[in-house]
Amino acid sequence: MPAPARSRSNAPDETKRRVLDAAAAAFQSRGYHSTTTHEIIRDAGVTAGAMHHHFPTKKSIGLAVIRERVSSAVEQTWIEPVRLARSGAEGIRQTFAAIASTLDKRGSVIGCPLSNLALELSLADPDFRREIQDVFDGWQRAIADKFRADRKAGELRHDSPDELATFVVASYSGAMAIAKVRQDSLPLRSCAKQLAALFEDHARRQRSKIR
């Protein structure tokens, strides 16, 4: 007897999850504007009524995807690895390498979900722009905080951790855009190589000053 009750109580959360998963995948592969609510309903395997109970409009789905899927992806793929790494430079190197390897195994490049939506929606709607900016800001802030910790520990010499973090995020976003066009991970590996050289140059200057 308890099982059906548990199933009913979990059904709304399951419906919401399926809609967000389907929408996130569709926006990533086809784009927000090219995806219809009918396609999301079909891909999620839910009824129109069930979906509209959680998301009355397509825009509400899009905003939820940014908050609950794209933001989470940036957290798992970028912020957490950098936060846990020995240094910001090491975390960035490992993250670039991991993403490039994933693209090679997949055999295709569909782009960064955040950058894809930023290019498509930032000028289309101020609500989308604010949500996307919040994710970018959190991403850059996390890397900058790691750089500040590195500078305090004497491992990084740079006058503006915030600007350096912006440079890293912009380098990755641009490299991913080129990789998407070329369907090749090489732009990511090239940017990672140049960033590593930049960090090594800063470290070398720091060691020379200590001597």
Protein backbone atom coordinates (compact mmCIF):
# COMPACT_ATOMS: atom_id res chain seq x y z
CA MET A 1 0.00 0.00 0.00
CA PRO A 2 2.73 2.61 0.79
CA ALA A 3 4.37 2.24 -2.65
CA PRO A 4 1.63 3.89 -4.74
CA ALA A 5 1.44 6.84 -2.32
CA ARG A 6 5.20 7.31 -2.59
CA SER A 7 4.95 7.17 -6.37
CA ARG A 8 2.21 9.82 -6.42
CA SER A 9 4.15 12.15 -4.11
CA ASN A 10 7.27 11.83 -6.25
CA ALA A 11 5.46 12.17 -9.59
CA PRO A 12 5.52 16.00 -9.73
CA ASP A 13 9.27 16.13 -9.03
CA GLU A 14 9.88 13.42 -11.63
CA THR A 15 7.83 15.31 -14.21
CA LYS A 16 9.77 18.51 -13.53
CA ARG A 17 13.07 16.66 -13.81
CA ARG A 18 12.13 15.05 -17.11
CA VAL A 19 10.98 18.35 -18.59
CA LEU A 20 14.17 20.15 -17.56
CA ASP A 21 16.37 17.31 -18.82
CA ALA A 22 14.58 17.24 -22.16
CA ALA A 23 14.59 21.02 -22.51
CA ALA A 24 18.27 21.35 -21.59
CA ALA A 25 19.24 18.70 -24.17
CA ALA A 26 17.06 20.30 -26.84
CA PHE A 27 18.33 23.83 -26.21
CA GLN A 28 21.89 22.52 -26.38
CA SER A 29 21.45 20.65 -29.64
CA ARG A 30 18.83 22.74 -31.46
CA GLY A 31 18.78 26.08 -29.65
CA TYR A 32 16.10 27.74 -27.57
CA HIS A 33 14.23 29.44 -30.41
CA SER A 34 14.27 26.34 -32.62
CA THR A 35 12.80 24.14 -29.89
CA THR A 36 9.03 24.04 -29.46
CA THR A 37 7.12 23.16 -26.31
CA HIS A 38 5.56 20.26 -28.24
CA GLU A 39 9.05 18.84 -28.80
CA ILE A 40 9.89 19.22 -25.11
CA ILE A 41 6.65 17.43 -24.16
CA ARG A 42 7.45 14.63 -26.61
CA ASP A 43 11.08 14.26 -25.54
CA ALA A 44 10.18 14.34 -21.84
CA GLY A 45 7.39 11.81 -22.27
CA VAL A 46 4.90 13.86 -20.23
CA THR A 47 1.49 15.35 -20.91
CA ALA A 48 1.00 18.98 -21.81
CA GLY A 49 -1.01 19.50 -18.64
CA ALA A 50 1.72 18.02 -16.46
CA MET A 51 4.36 20.22 -18.02
CA HIS A 52 2.30 23.40 -17.84
CA HIS A 53 1.58 22.71 -14.18
CA HIS A 54 5.29 23.34 -13.51
CA PHE A 55 6.12 25.62 -16.41
CA PRO A 56 3.25 27.72 -17.78
CA THR A 57 5.42 29.21 -20.56
CA LYS A 58 8.40 28.27 -22.64
CA LYS A 59 10.28 31.18 -21.10
CA SER A 60 9.75 29.74 -17.62
CA ILE A 61 11.31 26.50 -18.84
CA GLY A 62 14.26 28.39 -20.30
CA LEU A 63 14.91 30.31 -17.09
CA ALA A 64 14.67 27.11 -15.03
CA VAL A 65 17.11 25.35 -17.36
CA ILE A 66 19.66 28.14 -16.80
CA ARG A 67 19.19 28.09 -13.01
CA GLU A 68 18.92 24.34 -12.46
CA ARG A 69 20.84 22.71 -15.30
CA VAL A 70 23.33 25.13 -16.85
CA SER A 71 24.43 26.60 -13.52
CA SER A 72 24.84 23.09 -12.12
CA ALA A 73 26.88 22.03 -15.15
CA VAL A 74 29.27 24.96 -14.68
CA GLU A 75 29.56 24.12 -10.99
CA GLN A 76 30.39 20.46 -11.64
CA THR A 77 32.57 20.93 -14.72
CA TRP A 78 34.50 24.05 -13.77
CA ILE A 79 33.99 25.53 -10.33
CA GLU A 80 34.34 22.42 -8.19
CA PRO A 81 37.46 21.04 -9.98
CA VAL A 82 39.21 24.43 -9.72
CA ARG A 83 38.19 24.85 -6.08
CA LEU A 84 39.56 21.41 -5.16
CA ALA A 85 42.79 21.67 -7.16
CA ARG A 86 46.14 22.41 -5.56
CA SER A 87 46.21 25.74 -7.40
CA GLY A 88 44.09 27.69 -9.82
CA ALA A 89 46.52 27.04 -12.64
CA GLU A 90 46.44 23.29 -11.99
CA GLY A 91 42.65 23.22 -11.75
CA ILE A 92 42.29 25.11 -15.02
CA ARG A 93 44.75 22.83 -16.79
CA GLN A 94 42.96 19.72 -15.55
CA THR A 95 39.55 21.10 -16.50
CA PHE A 96 40.58 21.99 -20.04
CA ALA A 97 42.16 18.54 -20.44
CA ALA A 98 39.11 16.72 -19.07
CA ILE A 99 36.69 18.57 -21.32
CA ALA A 100 38.88 18.09 -24.40
CA SER A 101 39.12 14.36 -23.67
CA THR A 102 35.34 14.14 -23.26
CA LEU A 103 34.83 15.83 -26.64
CA ASP A 104 37.29 13.43 -28.28
CA LYS A 105 35.45 10.42 -26.86
CA ARG A 106 32.07 11.80 -27.89
CA GLY A 107 33.28 12.55 -31.39
CA SER A 108 31.28 15.79 -31.65
CA VAL A 109 31.23 19.27 -30.16
CA ILE A 110 27.88 20.86 -29.33
CA GLY A 111 29.40 23.75 -27.42
CA CYS A 112 29.24 25.21 -23.93
CA PRO A 113 25.58 25.28 -22.81
CA LEU A 114 26.07 28.63 -21.10
CA SER A 115 27.78 30.29 -24.06
CA ASN A 116 25.27 28.82 -26.50
CA LEU A 117 22.37 30.39 -24.61
CA ALA A 118 24.30 33.62 -24.01
CA LEU A 119 24.81 34.14 -27.72
CA GLU A 120 21.20 33.31 -28.53
CA LEU A 121 19.29 34.99 -25.71
CA SER A 122 21.27 37.80 -24.07
CA LEU A 123 19.91 40.48 -26.40
CA ALA A 124 16.50 38.88 -26.78
CA ASP A 125 15.24 39.23 -23.23
CA PRO A 126 16.56 41.05 -20.12
CA ASP A 127 15.44 38.24 -17.79
CA PHE A 128 17.49 35.71 -19.72
CA ARG A 129 20.43 38.09 -19.80
CA ARG A 130 20.37 38.53 -16.02
CA GLU A 131 20.19 34.80 -15.35
CA ILE A 132 23.03 34.08 -17.77
CA GLN A 133 25.12 36.89 -16.30
CA ASP A 134 24.61 35.47 -12.81
CA VAL A 135 26.08 32.15 -13.92
CA PHE A 136 29.04 33.82 -15.62
CA ASP A 137 29.61 36.00 -12.55
CA GLY A 138 29.60 33.00 -10.22
CA TRP A 139 32.02 31.14 -12.49
CA GLN A 140 34.45 34.04 -12.72
CA ARG A 141 34.17 34.78 -9.00
CA ALA A 142 35.05 31.20 -8.05
CA ILE A 143 38.18 31.25 -10.21
CA ALA A 144 39.15 34.70 -8.92
CA ASP A 145 38.77 33.50 -5.32
CA LYS A 146 41.13 30.62 -6.08
CA PHE A 147 43.63 33.03 -7.60
CA ARG A 148 43.41 35.24 -4.50
CA ALA A 149 44.18 32.23 -2.33
CA ASP A 150 47.12 31.38 -4.60
CA ARG A 151 48.44 34.93 -4.36
CA LYS A 152 48.14 34.89 -0.58
CA ALA A 153 50.10 31.62 -0.53
CA GLY A 154 52.79 33.18 -2.71
CA GLU A 155 52.07 30.92 -5.68
CA LEU A 156 50.70 33.58 -8.03
CA ARG A 157 51.81 37.10 -8.75
CA HIS A 158 49.07 39.03 -10.49
CA ASP A 159 47.62 42.44 -9.74
CA SER A 160 44.01 41.58 -10.58
CA PRO A 161 42.70 38.05 -9.89
CA ASP A 162 39.26 39.19 -11.14
CA GLU A 163 40.60 40.25 -14.54
CA LEU A 164 42.67 37.09 -14.81
CA ALA A 165 39.58 34.99 -14.04
CA THR A 166 37.63 36.86 -16.72
CA PHE A 167 40.45 36.12 -19.16
CA VAL A 168 40.29 32.40 -18.34
CA VAL A 169 36.52 32.19 -18.78
CA ALA A 170 36.67 34.20 -22.02
CA SER A 171 39.49 31.99 -23.33
CA TYR A 172 37.51 28.85 -22.63
CA SER A 173 34.27 30.23 -24.09
CA GLY A 174 36.00 31.39 -27.25
CA ALA A 175 37.94 28.16 -27.63
CA MET A 176 34.74 26.15 -27.23
CA ALA A 177 33.00 28.25 -29.89
CA ILE A 178 35.86 27.61 -32.35
CA ALA A 179 35.89 23.92 -31.39
CA LYS A 180 32.16 23.77 -32.16
CA VAL A 181 32.72 25.24 -35.62
CA ARG A 182 35.67 22.97 -36.34
CA GLN A 183 34.21 19.93 -34.55
CA ASP A 184 37.61 19.43 -33.01
CA SER A 185 39.01 19.76 -29.48
CA LEU A 186 42.28 21.32 -30.72
CA PRO A 187 41.27 24.95 -29.92
CA LEU A 188 40.73 23.93 -26.29
CA ARG A 189 44.10 22.23 -26.10
CA SER A 190 45.80 25.23 -27.75
CA CYS A 191 44.24 27.67 -25.27
CA ALA A 192 45.14 25.40 -22.36
CA LYS A 193 48.75 25.34 -23.56
CA GLN A 194 48.93 29.13 -23.77
CA LEU A 195 47.29 29.59 -20.37
CA ALA A 196 49.77 27.13 -18.86
CA ALA A 197 52.64 29.15 -20.36
CA LEU A 198 51.15 32.33 -18.90
CA PHE A 199 50.90 30.83 -15.41
CA GLU A 200 54.40 29.41 -15.64
CA ASP A 201 55.74 32.82 -16.62
CA HIS A 202 54.08 34.36 -13.55
CA ALA A 203 55.49 31.59 -11.36
CA ARG A 204 58.96 32.09 -12.81
CA ARG A 205 58.80 35.80 -12.05
CA GLN A 206 57.69 35.07 -8.54
CA ARG A 207 60.61 32.66 -7.97
CA SER A 208 63.11 35.17 -9.34
CA LYS A 209 61.84 37.87 -6.95
CA ILE A 210 62.16 35.50 -3.99
CA ARG A 211 65.78 34.81 -4.91
